[in-house]
Amino acid sequence: RDMFQSCLCDGFSPEKHRQGPSSTYISGIYVDEPRVLGYHGHACEKALCPFGDDPSTEGVNEKQTVGCSITSGTFTLTFRDQTTAAIAFDATASAVQSALSSLNTIDSVTVTLNGAGACDATPSGFVVEFTGNPGDLPPLVSSPAFAVTETVKGTREFIECSGRGVCATGDGALAGACKCDWFYMSSDGNGGRGTRRDCGRYDEFMQANGYFTT
């Protein structure tokens, strides 16, 4: 019988620039390693670089409305297989935002309540805006199950080196680093200056190009 074999490469999924136990695979096991170099290619010979949004093109953040409908107790939210700690039915916006931001699969979000508490404005609940995760995203999943509606489809790009640099795929100290084009540097995932190393920040006053960490 014919068989096909392939490599399961070490390292991260491009869905997240800092990785956690659900997405970091090293030598046969998943581990909790926040910054591990990932590889791809048929022989796992190419280093992965950070992905991000091209800051010079237009796009909008994904927004999802969670129709929280309980009047007591707690609920949880799951995004890309990671689940928050229990959230109180009357939680503040900052409490819901903190719970979501603790997930390794979420870079940054803002939460807007439609009532005084998370579940007060039944069935409209609250709105989650994904400020650090570009693109059209999968829906949040709640427990107990609430209606989750995509109120704004995310249209920001999610491409290697934000489309504004070249990935160093080989070996050596720069493996997995983006060499950014002129006027582009490391971003925070939302167009500001940050530590993603993704060339996702445009700065017209920066008179250099190269490998940037901040």
N, C-alpha and C. Protein backbone atom coordinates (compact mmCIF):
# COMPACT_ATOMS: atom_id res chain seq x y z
N ARG A 1 0.85 -1.19 0.00
CA ARG A 1 0.00 0.00 0.00
C ARG A 1 0.89 1.25 0.00
N ASP A 2 0.58 2.17 -0.88
CA ASP A 2 1.34 3.42 -0.94
C ASP A 2 1.03 4.28 0.28
N MET A 3 2.05 5.00 0.76
CA MET A 3 1.87 5.89 1.91
C MET A 3 2.55 7.23 1.62
N PHE A 4 1.95 8.27 2.13
CA PHE A 4 2.54 9.59 2.05
C PHE A 4 2.92 10.02 3.47
N GLN A 5 4.12 10.54 3.61
CA GLN A 5 4.57 11.03 4.91
C GLN A 5 4.94 12.51 4.78
N SER A 6 4.71 13.25 5.83
CA SER A 6 5.06 14.66 5.83
C SER A 6 5.53 15.05 7.22
N CYS A 7 6.14 16.20 7.31
CA CYS A 7 6.67 16.70 8.58
C CYS A 7 5.64 17.57 9.29
N LEU A 8 5.55 17.42 10.60
CA LEU A 8 4.79 18.34 11.44
C LEU A 8 5.80 19.27 12.08
N CYS A 9 5.88 20.49 11.57
CA CYS A 9 6.97 21.40 11.92
C CYS A 9 6.83 21.97 13.33
N ASP A 10 7.98 22.20 13.97
CA ASP A 10 8.00 22.87 15.26
C ASP A 10 7.56 24.31 15.09
N GLY A 11 7.01 24.88 16.18
CA GLY A 11 6.79 26.31 16.22
C GLY A 11 5.35 26.74 16.10
N PHE A 12 5.19 28.04 15.81
CA PHE A 12 3.90 28.66 16.00
C PHE A 12 3.04 28.70 14.76
N SER A 13 1.76 28.90 15.00
CA SER A 13 0.81 29.23 13.94
C SER A 13 0.91 30.71 13.65
N PRO A 14 0.83 31.13 12.39
CA PRO A 14 0.90 32.57 12.09
C PRO A 14 -0.30 33.34 12.61
N GLU A 15 -1.32 32.65 13.18
CA GLU A 15 -2.47 33.36 13.71
C GLU A 15 -2.12 34.18 14.94
N LYS A 16 -0.97 33.92 15.54
CA LYS A 16 -0.63 34.66 16.74
C LYS A 16 0.86 34.89 16.81
N HIS A 17 1.32 36.09 17.17
CA HIS A 17 2.75 36.36 17.23
C HIS A 17 3.34 35.92 18.56
N ARG A 18 2.55 35.81 19.61
CA ARG A 18 3.04 35.21 20.85
C ARG A 18 2.19 33.98 21.10
N GLN A 19 2.83 32.90 21.36
CA GLN A 19 2.13 31.62 21.32
C GLN A 19 1.89 31.04 22.70
N GLY A 20 0.92 30.17 22.78
CA GLY A 20 0.60 29.48 24.02
C GLY A 20 0.45 28.00 23.79
N PRO A 21 -0.04 27.28 24.76
CA PRO A 21 -0.05 25.82 24.70
C PRO A 21 -0.94 25.25 23.61
N SER A 22 -1.92 26.00 23.13
CA SER A 22 -2.81 25.45 22.11
C SER A 22 -2.23 25.53 20.72
N SER A 23 -1.15 26.29 20.53
CA SER A 23 -0.66 26.49 19.17
C SER A 23 0.84 26.33 19.01
N THR A 24 1.57 26.05 20.07
CA THR A 24 3.01 25.89 19.97
C THR A 24 3.37 24.41 20.05
N TYR A 25 3.92 23.90 18.97
CA TYR A 25 4.20 22.48 18.85
C TYR A 25 5.72 22.30 18.73
N ILE A 26 6.32 21.58 19.67
CA ILE A 26 7.76 21.37 19.65
C ILE A 26 8.06 19.89 19.89
N SER A 27 8.71 19.28 18.92
CA SER A 27 9.19 17.91 19.04
C SER A 27 8.13 16.96 19.58
N GLY A 28 6.94 17.05 19.04
CA GLY A 28 5.91 16.07 19.35
C GLY A 28 4.94 16.43 20.44
N ILE A 29 5.14 17.57 21.12
CA ILE A 29 4.22 17.94 22.19
C ILE A 29 3.90 19.43 22.10
N TYR A 30 2.75 19.81 22.66
CA TYR A 30 2.39 21.22 22.76
C TYR A 30 2.96 21.78 24.06
N VAL A 31 3.55 22.94 24.00
CA VAL A 31 4.19 23.52 25.18
C VAL A 31 3.77 24.97 25.35
N ASP A 32 3.93 25.48 26.55
CA ASP A 32 3.59 26.86 26.86
C ASP A 32 4.85 27.71 26.72
N GLU A 33 5.18 28.08 25.49
CA GLU A 33 6.38 28.86 25.20
C GLU A 33 5.96 30.11 24.44
N PRO A 34 6.12 31.30 25.07
CA PRO A 34 5.56 32.51 24.46
C PRO A 34 6.23 32.96 23.17
N ARG A 35 7.51 32.70 23.00
CA ARG A 35 8.17 33.16 21.77
C ARG A 35 9.11 32.06 21.27
N VAL A 36 8.56 31.13 20.56
CA VAL A 36 9.37 30.07 19.97
C VAL A 36 9.38 30.24 18.46
N LEU A 37 10.54 30.01 17.85
CA LEU A 37 10.66 30.15 16.41
C LEU A 37 9.91 29.02 15.72
N GLY A 38 9.10 29.37 14.72
CA GLY A 38 8.34 28.38 13.99
C GLY A 38 8.95 28.14 12.61
N TYR A 39 8.60 27.00 12.04
CA TYR A 39 9.14 26.63 10.73
C TYR A 39 8.02 26.13 9.82
N HIS A 40 8.26 26.19 8.52
CA HIS A 40 7.33 25.66 7.54
C HIS A 40 8.13 25.16 6.34
N GLY A 41 7.45 24.71 5.30
CA GLY A 41 8.11 24.09 4.17
C GLY A 41 8.01 22.58 4.24
N HIS A 42 8.23 21.90 3.12
CA HIS A 42 8.03 20.45 3.10
C HIS A 42 9.00 19.71 4.02
N ALA A 43 10.16 20.32 4.30
CA ALA A 43 11.13 19.71 5.21
C ALA A 43 11.32 20.55 6.46
N CYS A 44 10.38 21.46 6.74
CA CYS A 44 10.47 22.35 7.92
C CYS A 44 11.78 23.14 7.91
N GLU A 45 12.21 23.55 6.72
CA GLU A 45 13.50 24.21 6.60
C GLU A 45 13.40 25.73 6.58
N LYS A 46 12.19 26.28 6.56
CA LYS A 46 12.02 27.72 6.44
C LYS A 46 11.43 28.30 7.73
N ALA A 47 12.09 29.33 8.25
CA ALA A 47 11.58 29.98 9.45
C ALA A 47 10.36 30.83 9.13
N LEU A 48 9.40 30.85 10.05
CA LEU A 48 8.22 31.71 9.91
C LEU A 48 8.52 33.09 10.48
N CYS A 49 7.98 34.10 9.84
CA CYS A 49 8.09 35.47 10.33
C CYS A 49 6.73 35.95 10.83
N PRO A 50 6.71 37.02 11.63
CA PRO A 50 5.43 37.55 12.12
C PRO A 50 4.52 38.00 10.99
N PHE A 51 3.23 37.85 11.19
CA PHE A 51 2.21 38.30 10.26
C PHE A 51 1.56 39.57 10.80
N GLY A 52 1.06 40.41 9.91
CA GLY A 52 0.38 41.62 10.36
C GLY A 52 -0.38 42.29 9.24
N ASP A 53 -0.91 43.47 9.54
CA ASP A 53 -1.72 44.24 8.60
C ASP A 53 -0.88 45.30 7.93
N ASP A 54 -1.05 45.44 6.62
CA ASP A 54 -0.36 46.49 5.87
C ASP A 54 -0.94 47.84 6.31
N PRO A 55 -0.13 48.69 6.95
CA PRO A 55 -0.66 49.96 7.47
C PRO A 55 -0.99 50.98 6.39
N SER A 56 -0.57 50.72 5.15
CA SER A 56 -0.80 51.69 4.08
C SER A 56 -2.02 51.36 3.23
N THR A 57 -2.78 50.36 3.64
CA THR A 57 -4.03 50.05 2.96
C THR A 57 -5.18 50.18 3.95
N GLU A 58 -6.37 50.43 3.43
CA GLU A 58 -7.52 50.64 4.30
C GLU A 58 -8.14 49.31 4.72
N GLY A 59 -8.75 49.30 5.88
CA GLY A 59 -9.44 48.11 6.38
C GLY A 59 -10.09 48.44 7.70
N VAL A 60 -10.99 47.58 8.15
CA VAL A 60 -11.70 47.81 9.42
C VAL A 60 -11.53 46.60 10.33
N ASN A 61 -11.68 46.83 11.63
CA ASN A 61 -11.60 45.77 12.62
C ASN A 61 -12.88 44.95 12.65
N GLU A 62 -12.73 43.69 12.94
CA GLU A 62 -13.90 42.82 13.15
C GLU A 62 -14.62 43.23 14.43
N LYS A 63 -15.97 43.26 14.37
CA LYS A 63 -16.79 43.49 15.55
C LYS A 63 -17.84 42.40 15.65
N GLN A 64 -17.98 41.84 16.85
CA GLN A 64 -18.97 40.79 17.10
C GLN A 64 -19.81 41.18 18.31
N THR A 65 -21.13 41.00 18.17
CA THR A 65 -22.05 41.27 19.27
C THR A 65 -22.43 39.96 19.95
N VAL A 66 -22.22 39.92 21.25
CA VAL A 66 -22.54 38.73 22.06
C VAL A 66 -23.85 39.01 22.79
N GLY A 67 -24.89 38.26 22.46
CA GLY A 67 -26.21 38.48 23.06
C GLY A 67 -26.36 37.77 24.38
N CYS A 68 -25.63 38.22 25.37
CA CYS A 68 -25.68 37.60 26.71
C CYS A 68 -27.10 37.72 27.27
N SER A 69 -27.65 36.61 27.77
CA SER A 69 -29.06 36.61 28.16
C SER A 69 -29.33 35.98 29.52
N ILE A 70 -28.30 35.90 30.37
CA ILE A 70 -28.52 35.33 31.71
C ILE A 70 -28.72 36.45 32.72
N THR A 71 -29.38 36.15 33.81
CA THR A 71 -29.68 37.16 34.84
C THR A 71 -28.97 36.87 36.15
N SER A 72 -28.15 35.84 36.16
CA SER A 72 -27.35 35.51 37.34
C SER A 72 -26.24 34.57 36.91
N GLY A 73 -25.30 34.34 37.82
CA GLY A 73 -24.24 33.38 37.54
C GLY A 73 -23.14 33.92 36.64
N THR A 74 -22.50 33.03 35.90
CA THR A 74 -21.34 33.39 35.09
C THR A 74 -21.44 32.77 33.69
N PHE A 75 -20.56 33.23 32.82
CA PHE A 75 -20.44 32.66 31.48
C PHE A 75 -18.97 32.67 31.08
N THR A 76 -18.64 31.95 30.03
CA THR A 76 -17.29 31.96 29.48
C THR A 76 -17.36 32.24 27.98
N LEU A 77 -16.24 32.70 27.44
CA LEU A 77 -16.10 32.94 26.01
C LEU A 77 -14.89 32.18 25.49
N THR A 78 -15.05 31.57 24.32
CA THR A 78 -13.98 30.80 23.69
C THR A 78 -13.66 31.39 22.33
N PHE A 79 -12.35 31.53 22.05
CA PHE A 79 -11.91 32.00 20.74
C PHE A 79 -10.73 31.16 20.30
N ARG A 80 -10.88 30.52 19.15
CA ARG A 80 -9.84 29.65 18.60
C ARG A 80 -9.35 28.66 19.65
N ASP A 81 -10.31 27.98 20.26
CA ASP A 81 -10.05 26.84 21.17
C ASP A 81 -9.47 27.23 22.52
N GLN A 82 -9.40 28.51 22.83
CA GLN A 82 -8.99 28.91 24.18
C GLN A 82 -10.16 29.59 24.87
N THR A 83 -10.34 29.28 26.15
CA THR A 83 -11.54 29.70 26.89
C THR A 83 -11.15 30.59 28.07
N THR A 84 -11.93 31.63 28.28
CA THR A 84 -11.69 32.55 29.39
C THR A 84 -12.04 31.90 30.72
N ALA A 85 -11.62 32.54 31.78
CA ALA A 85 -12.13 32.22 33.11
C ALA A 85 -13.59 32.66 33.18
N ALA A 86 -14.30 32.23 34.22
CA ALA A 86 -15.70 32.59 34.37
C ALA A 86 -15.86 34.11 34.47
N ILE A 87 -16.86 34.64 33.77
CA ILE A 87 -17.16 36.08 33.76
C ILE A 87 -18.54 36.28 34.36
N ALA A 88 -18.66 37.20 35.31
CA ALA A 88 -19.94 37.45 35.97
C ALA A 88 -20.96 38.03 34.99
N PHE A 89 -22.23 37.67 35.18
CA PHE A 89 -23.28 38.15 34.28
C PHE A 89 -23.38 39.67 34.26
N ASP A 90 -23.01 40.33 35.37
CA ASP A 90 -23.08 41.78 35.45
C ASP A 90 -21.70 42.43 35.36
N ALA A 91 -20.77 41.74 34.72
CA ALA A 91 -19.40 42.24 34.62
C ALA A 91 -19.33 43.57 33.88
N THR A 92 -18.32 44.36 34.22
CA THR A 92 -18.08 45.62 33.53
C THR A 92 -17.39 45.34 32.19
N ALA A 93 -17.32 46.37 31.36
CA ALA A 93 -16.63 46.22 30.08
C ALA A 93 -15.17 45.87 30.29
N SER A 94 -14.53 46.49 31.26
CA SER A 94 -13.11 46.21 31.51
C SER A 94 -12.88 44.78 31.98
N ALA A 95 -13.84 44.24 32.73
CA ALA A 95 -13.71 42.86 33.20
C ALA A 95 -13.81 41.86 32.04
N VAL A 96 -14.75 42.09 31.13
CA VAL A 96 -14.89 41.23 29.96
C VAL A 96 -13.66 41.37 29.07
N GLN A 97 -13.21 42.59 28.89
CA GLN A 97 -12.04 42.84 28.06
C GLN A 97 -10.80 42.16 28.64
N SER A 98 -10.63 42.22 29.95
CA SER A 98 -9.49 41.59 30.61
C SER A 98 -9.52 40.08 30.43
N ALA A 99 -10.71 39.49 30.56
CA ALA A 99 -10.84 38.04 30.39
C ALA A 99 -10.46 37.62 28.98
N LEU A 100 -10.91 38.37 27.98
CA LEU A 100 -10.59 38.03 26.59
C LEU A 100 -9.11 38.27 26.29
N SER A 101 -8.56 39.33 26.84
CA SER A 101 -7.16 39.67 26.56
C SER A 101 -6.18 38.67 27.17
N SER A 102 -6.65 37.88 28.12
CA SER A 102 -5.78 36.88 28.74
C SER A 102 -5.56 35.67 27.84
N LEU A 103 -6.34 35.54 26.78
CA LEU A 103 -6.20 34.41 25.87
C LEU A 103 -5.02 34.64 24.92
N ASN A 104 -4.21 33.61 24.71
CA ASN A 104 -3.09 33.73 23.79
C ASN A 104 -3.53 33.91 22.34
N THR A 105 -4.76 33.54 22.04
CA THR A 105 -5.25 33.65 20.66
C THR A 105 -5.79 35.04 20.34
N ILE A 106 -5.82 35.91 21.33
CA ILE A 106 -6.31 37.28 21.13
C ILE A 106 -5.20 38.26 21.46
N ASP A 107 -4.90 39.15 20.51
CA ASP A 107 -3.88 40.16 20.74
C ASP A 107 -4.42 41.31 21.57
N SER A 108 -5.48 41.93 21.09
CA SER A 108 -6.10 43.03 21.84
C SER A 108 -7.53 43.21 21.38
N VAL A 109 -8.40 43.58 22.31
CA VAL A 109 -9.81 43.83 22.02
C VAL A 109 -10.29 45.03 22.82
N THR A 110 -11.39 45.61 22.38
CA THR A 110 -12.13 46.56 23.21
C THR A 110 -13.55 46.02 23.34
N VAL A 111 -14.15 46.26 24.48
CA VAL A 111 -15.50 45.77 24.77
C VAL A 111 -16.39 46.95 25.10
N THR A 112 -17.56 47.00 24.47
CA THR A 112 -18.55 48.04 24.73
C THR A 112 -19.84 47.40 25.17
N LEU A 113 -20.32 47.77 26.35
CA LEU A 113 -21.57 47.22 26.86
C LEU A 113 -22.75 48.00 26.29
N ASN A 114 -23.83 47.28 26.03
CA ASN A 114 -25.06 47.94 25.59
C ASN A 114 -26.01 48.21 26.75
N GLY A 115 -25.58 47.86 27.96
CA GLY A 115 -26.34 48.11 29.18
C GLY A 115 -25.38 48.40 30.31
N ALA A 116 -25.89 48.38 31.54
CA ALA A 116 -25.04 48.67 32.69
C ALA A 116 -24.06 47.54 32.97
N GLY A 117 -24.46 46.29 32.67
CA GLY A 117 -23.60 45.14 32.87
C GLY A 117 -23.57 44.29 31.61
N ALA A 118 -22.70 43.29 31.59
CA ALA A 118 -22.49 42.49 30.38
C ALA A 118 -23.78 41.91 29.82
N CYS A 119 -24.68 41.47 30.70
CA CYS A 119 -25.91 40.80 30.24
C CYS A 119 -27.17 41.61 30.48
N ASP A 120 -27.02 42.90 30.77
CA ASP A 120 -28.19 43.71 31.11
C ASP A 120 -29.07 44.04 29.91
N ALA A 121 -28.45 44.25 28.74
CA ALA A 121 -29.22 44.71 27.58
C ALA A 121 -29.62 43.53 26.70
N THR A 122 -30.38 42.60 27.27
CA THR A 122 -30.83 41.43 26.51
C THR A 122 -31.73 41.87 25.35
N PRO A 123 -31.52 41.38 24.12
CA PRO A 123 -30.52 40.38 23.75
C PRO A 123 -29.24 40.96 23.15
N SER A 124 -29.03 42.28 23.26
CA SER A 124 -27.90 42.89 22.55
C SER A 124 -26.58 42.75 23.30
N GLY A 125 -26.62 42.51 24.61
CA GLY A 125 -25.41 42.20 25.37
C GLY A 125 -24.28 43.19 25.24
N PHE A 126 -23.21 42.80 24.57
CA PHE A 126 -22.04 43.67 24.44
C PHE A 126 -21.35 43.41 23.11
N VAL A 127 -20.52 44.37 22.72
CA VAL A 127 -19.83 44.31 21.44
C VAL A 127 -18.33 44.14 21.69
N VAL A 128 -17.72 43.19 20.99
CA VAL A 128 -16.27 42.96 21.07
C VAL A 128 -15.64 43.41 19.75
N GLU A 129 -14.73 44.35 19.83
CA GLU A 129 -13.98 44.79 18.66
C GLU A 129 -12.56 44.23 18.75
N PHE A 130 -12.16 43.49 17.72
CA PHE A 130 -10.83 42.88 17.69
C PHE A 130 -9.85 43.88 17.09
N THR A 131 -9.15 44.60 17.96
CA THR A 131 -8.24 45.65 17.49
C THR A 131 -6.88 45.12 17.10
N GLY A 132 -6.51 43.92 17.57
CA GLY A 132 -5.18 43.38 17.29
C GLY A 132 -5.17 42.11 16.47
N ASN A 133 -6.33 41.65 16.04
CA ASN A 133 -6.42 40.44 15.22
C ASN A 133 -7.05 40.80 13.88
N PRO A 134 -6.23 41.00 12.85
CA PRO A 134 -6.78 41.43 11.56
C PRO A 134 -7.56 40.33 10.85
N GLY A 135 -8.39 40.75 9.89
CA GLY A 135 -9.06 39.82 9.01
C GLY A 135 -10.46 39.45 9.44
N ASP A 136 -11.09 38.59 8.63
CA ASP A 136 -12.42 38.05 8.92
C ASP A 136 -12.26 36.89 9.89
N LEU A 137 -12.73 37.03 11.11
CA LEU A 137 -12.41 36.11 12.20
C LEU A 137 -13.54 35.12 12.48
N PRO A 138 -13.20 33.97 13.06
CA PRO A 138 -14.25 33.04 13.49
C PRO A 138 -15.02 33.62 14.66
N PRO A 139 -16.26 33.21 14.85
CA PRO A 139 -17.07 33.79 15.93
C PRO A 139 -16.63 33.33 17.32
N LEU A 140 -16.83 34.19 18.28
CA LEU A 140 -16.70 33.80 19.68
C LEU A 140 -17.75 32.73 19.98
N VAL A 141 -17.42 31.85 20.91
CA VAL A 141 -18.36 30.82 21.35
C VAL A 141 -18.56 30.98 22.85
N SER A 142 -19.80 31.05 23.28
CA SER A 142 -20.08 31.26 24.71
C SER A 142 -20.65 30.01 25.35
N SER A 143 -20.48 29.94 26.65
CA SER A 143 -21.11 28.90 27.46
C SER A 143 -21.65 29.55 28.73
N PRO A 144 -22.99 29.52 28.93
CA PRO A 144 -24.01 28.92 28.06
C PRO A 144 -24.06 29.61 26.69
N ALA A 145 -24.73 28.97 25.77
CA ALA A 145 -24.72 29.43 24.38
C ALA A 145 -25.57 30.67 24.20
N PHE A 146 -24.95 31.77 23.74
CA PHE A 146 -25.65 33.00 23.37
C PHE A 146 -25.54 33.18 21.86
N ALA A 147 -26.41 34.00 21.33
CA ALA A 147 -26.30 34.37 19.92
C ALA A 147 -25.09 35.30 19.75
N VAL A 148 -24.21 34.97 18.81
CA VAL A 148 -23.06 35.81 18.49
C VAL A 148 -23.18 36.24 17.03
N THR A 149 -23.22 37.55 16.81
CA THR A 149 -23.44 38.09 15.48
C THR A 149 -22.25 38.90 15.03
N GLU A 150 -21.80 38.67 13.80
CA GLU A 150 -20.74 39.49 13.22
C GLU A 150 -21.37 40.79 12.74
N THR A 151 -21.18 41.86 13.50
CA THR A 151 -21.79 43.14 13.15
C THR A 151 -20.92 43.93 12.18
N VAL A 152 -19.61 43.73 12.21
CA VAL A 152 -18.70 44.33 11.22
C VAL A 152 -17.69 43.25 10.83
N LYS A 153 -17.63 42.95 9.55
CA LYS A 153 -16.67 41.96 9.05
C LYS A 153 -15.28 42.59 8.99
N GLY A 154 -14.30 41.93 9.59
CA GLY A 154 -12.94 42.43 9.55
C GLY A 154 -12.35 42.35 8.16
N THR A 155 -11.76 43.45 7.70
CA THR A 155 -11.18 43.48 6.35
C THR A 155 -9.70 43.85 6.35
N ARG A 156 -9.11 44.00 7.54
CA ARG A 156 -7.67 44.28 7.58
C ARG A 156 -6.90 43.03 7.15
N GLU A 157 -5.75 43.23 6.54
CA GLU A 157 -4.97 42.11 6.02
C GLU A 157 -4.23 41.38 7.14
N PHE A 158 -3.82 40.16 6.84
CA PHE A 158 -3.02 39.36 7.77
C PHE A 158 -2.00 38.60 6.93
N ILE A 159 -0.87 39.26 6.67
CA ILE A 159 0.13 38.72 5.75
C ILE A 159 1.52 38.81 6.36
N GLU A 160 2.41 37.96 5.87
CA GLU A 160 3.76 37.90 6.41
C GLU A 160 4.47 39.24 6.27
N CYS A 161 5.08 39.67 7.38
CA CYS A 161 5.80 40.95 7.44
C CYS A 161 4.90 42.11 7.01
N SER A 162 3.60 41.93 7.15
CA SER A 162 2.60 42.94 6.81
C SER A 162 2.68 43.38 5.36
N GLY A 163 3.34 42.58 4.52
CA GLY A 163 3.50 42.96 3.12
C GLY A 163 4.46 44.12 2.91
N ARG A 164 5.18 44.51 3.97
CA ARG A 164 6.08 45.66 3.91
C ARG A 164 7.50 45.29 4.34
N GLY A 165 7.87 44.05 4.08
CA GLY A 165 9.21 43.59 4.41
C GLY A 165 9.45 42.23 3.83
N VAL A 166 10.66 41.72 4.05
CA VAL A 166 11.07 40.41 3.54
C VAL A 166 11.44 39.53 4.72
N CYS A 167 10.93 38.30 4.72
CA CYS A 167 11.18 37.37 5.81
C CYS A 167 12.54 36.69 5.64
N ALA A 168 13.32 36.67 6.72
CA ALA A 168 14.57 35.91 6.73
C ALA A 168 14.24 34.47 7.11
N THR A 169 14.16 33.61 6.11
CA THR A 169 13.69 32.24 6.34
C THR A 169 14.82 31.26 6.66
N GLY A 170 16.07 31.68 6.50
CA GLY A 170 17.18 30.75 6.70
C GLY A 170 17.62 30.62 8.13
N ASP A 171 18.82 30.05 8.32
CA ASP A 171 19.38 29.85 9.66
C ASP A 171 20.06 31.13 10.13
N GLY A 172 20.48 31.12 11.38
CA GLY A 172 21.24 32.24 11.92
C GLY A 172 20.44 33.10 12.85
N ALA A 173 21.09 34.15 13.35
CA ALA A 173 20.49 35.01 14.37
C ALA A 173 19.26 35.75 13.87
N LEU A 174 19.17 35.98 12.57
CA LEU A 174 18.05 36.75 12.03
C LEU A 174 16.93 35.85 11.50
N ALA A 175 17.03 34.54 11.64
CA ALA A 175 15.99 33.63 11.16
C ALA A 175 14.65 33.97 11.82
N GLY A 176 13.62 34.08 10.99
CA GLY A 176 12.29 34.41 11.52
C GLY A 176 12.06 35.89 11.74
N ALA A 177 12.99 36.73 11.28
CA ALA A 177 12.85 38.18 11.46
C ALA A 177 12.47 38.82 10.12
N CYS A 178 11.66 39.87 10.19
CA CYS A 178 11.28 40.64 9.01
C CYS A 178 12.29 41.76 8.78
N LYS A 179 12.80 41.86 7.56
CA LYS A 179 13.59 43.03 7.19
C LYS A 179 12.63 44.03 6.56
N CYS A 180 12.31 45.06 7.31
CA CYS A 180 11.26 46.00 6.91
C CYS A 180 11.73 46.95 5.81
N ASP A 181 10.79 47.33 4.95
CA ASP A 181 11.06 48.33 3.93
C ASP A 181 11.30 49.70 4.58
N TRP A 182 11.79 50.63 3.78
CA TRP A 182 11.96 51.99 4.26
C TRP A 182 10.63 52.55 4.80
N PHE A 183 10.70 53.22 5.95
CA PHE A 183 9.59 53.89 6.62
C PHE A 183 8.63 52.93 7.34
N TYR A 184 8.96 51.65 7.41
CA TYR A 184 8.10 50.68 8.12
C TYR A 184 8.89 50.03 9.24
N MET A 185 8.19 49.72 10.34
CA MET A 185 8.86 49.19 11.51
C MET A 185 7.90 48.29 12.30
N SER A 186 8.35 47.83 13.46
CA SER A 186 7.56 46.94 14.30
C SER A 186 6.33 47.66 14.84
N SER A 187 5.19 46.93 14.88
CA SER A 187 3.92 47.55 15.30
C SER A 187 3.35 46.87 16.54
N ASP A 188 2.24 47.46 17.01
CA ASP A 188 1.48 46.88 18.12
C ASP A 188 0.30 46.05 17.62
N GLY A 189 0.22 45.83 16.31
CA GLY A 189 -0.88 45.08 15.72
C GLY A 189 -2.05 45.94 15.30
N ASN A 190 -1.99 47.24 15.63
CA ASN A 190 -3.10 48.13 15.29
C ASN A 190 -2.59 49.45 14.72
N GLY A 191 -1.43 49.40 14.07
CA GLY A 191 -0.90 50.58 13.40
C GLY A 191 0.03 51.42 14.22
N GLY A 192 0.09 51.18 15.54
CA GLY A 192 0.99 51.92 16.41
C GLY A 192 2.33 51.23 16.54
N ARG A 193 3.26 51.89 17.19
CA ARG A 193 4.58 51.31 17.42
C ARG A 193 4.48 50.24 18.50
N GLY A 194 5.13 49.09 18.28
CA GLY A 194 5.03 48.00 19.24
C GLY A 194 6.13 46.98 19.05
N THR A 195 5.92 45.78 19.58
CA THR A 195 6.97 44.77 19.63
C THR A 195 6.66 43.53 18.79
N ARG A 196 5.73 43.62 17.83
CA ARG A 196 5.36 42.46 17.03
C ARG A 196 6.43 42.08 15.99
N ARG A 197 7.34 43.02 15.66
CA ARG A 197 8.40 42.77 14.66
C ARG A 197 7.81 42.45 13.29
N ASP A 198 6.71 43.11 12.94
CA ASP A 198 5.94 42.71 11.76
C ASP A 198 5.92 43.72 10.62
N CYS A 199 6.67 44.82 10.74
CA CYS A 199 6.70 45.89 9.72
C CYS A 199 5.32 46.52 9.53
N GLY A 200 4.50 46.49 10.55
CA GLY A 200 3.13 46.98 10.45
C GLY A 200 2.93 48.41 10.92
N ARG A 201 4.01 49.14 11.14
CA ARG A 201 3.93 50.54 11.55
C ARG A 201 4.62 51.40 10.50
N TYR A 202 3.89 52.41 9.99
CA TYR A 202 4.47 53.35 9.03
C TYR A 202 4.90 54.61 9.76
N ASP A 203 6.12 55.06 9.49
CA ASP A 203 6.65 56.27 10.11
C ASP A 203 7.40 57.05 9.04
N GLU A 204 6.79 58.14 8.59
CA GLU A 204 7.38 58.90 7.50
C GLU A 204 8.69 59.58 7.88
N PHE A 205 8.97 59.67 9.19
CA PHE A 205 10.19 60.34 9.62
C PHE A 205 11.34 59.37 9.88
N MET A 206 11.09 58.08 9.73
CA MET A 206 12.14 57.10 9.99
C MET A 206 13.02 56.96 8.75
N GLN A 207 14.26 57.35 8.89
CA GLN A 207 15.19 57.35 7.75
C GLN A 207 16.10 56.12 7.79
N ALA A 208 15.49 54.95 7.84
CA ALA A 208 16.28 53.72 7.86
C ALA A 208 15.37 52.55 7.48
N ASN A 209 16.01 51.45 7.15
CA ASN A 209 15.25 50.20 6.99
C ASN A 209 16.08 49.09 7.60
N GLY A 210 15.46 47.95 7.87
CA GLY A 210 16.21 46.85 8.45
C GLY A 210 15.35 46.01 9.38
N TYR A 211 16.02 45.37 10.34
CA TYR A 211 15.35 44.47 11.29
C TYR A 211 15.06 45.24 12.57
N PHE A 212 13.79 45.37 12.91
CA PHE A 212 13.39 46.17 14.05
C PHE A 212 12.61 45.32 15.06
N THR A 213 12.91 45.51 16.33
CA THR A 213 12.17 44.82 17.40
C THR A 213 11.20 45.76 18.09
N THR A 214 11.43 47.06 18.03
CA THR A 214 10.50 48.03 18.61
C THR A 214 10.40 49.23 17.67
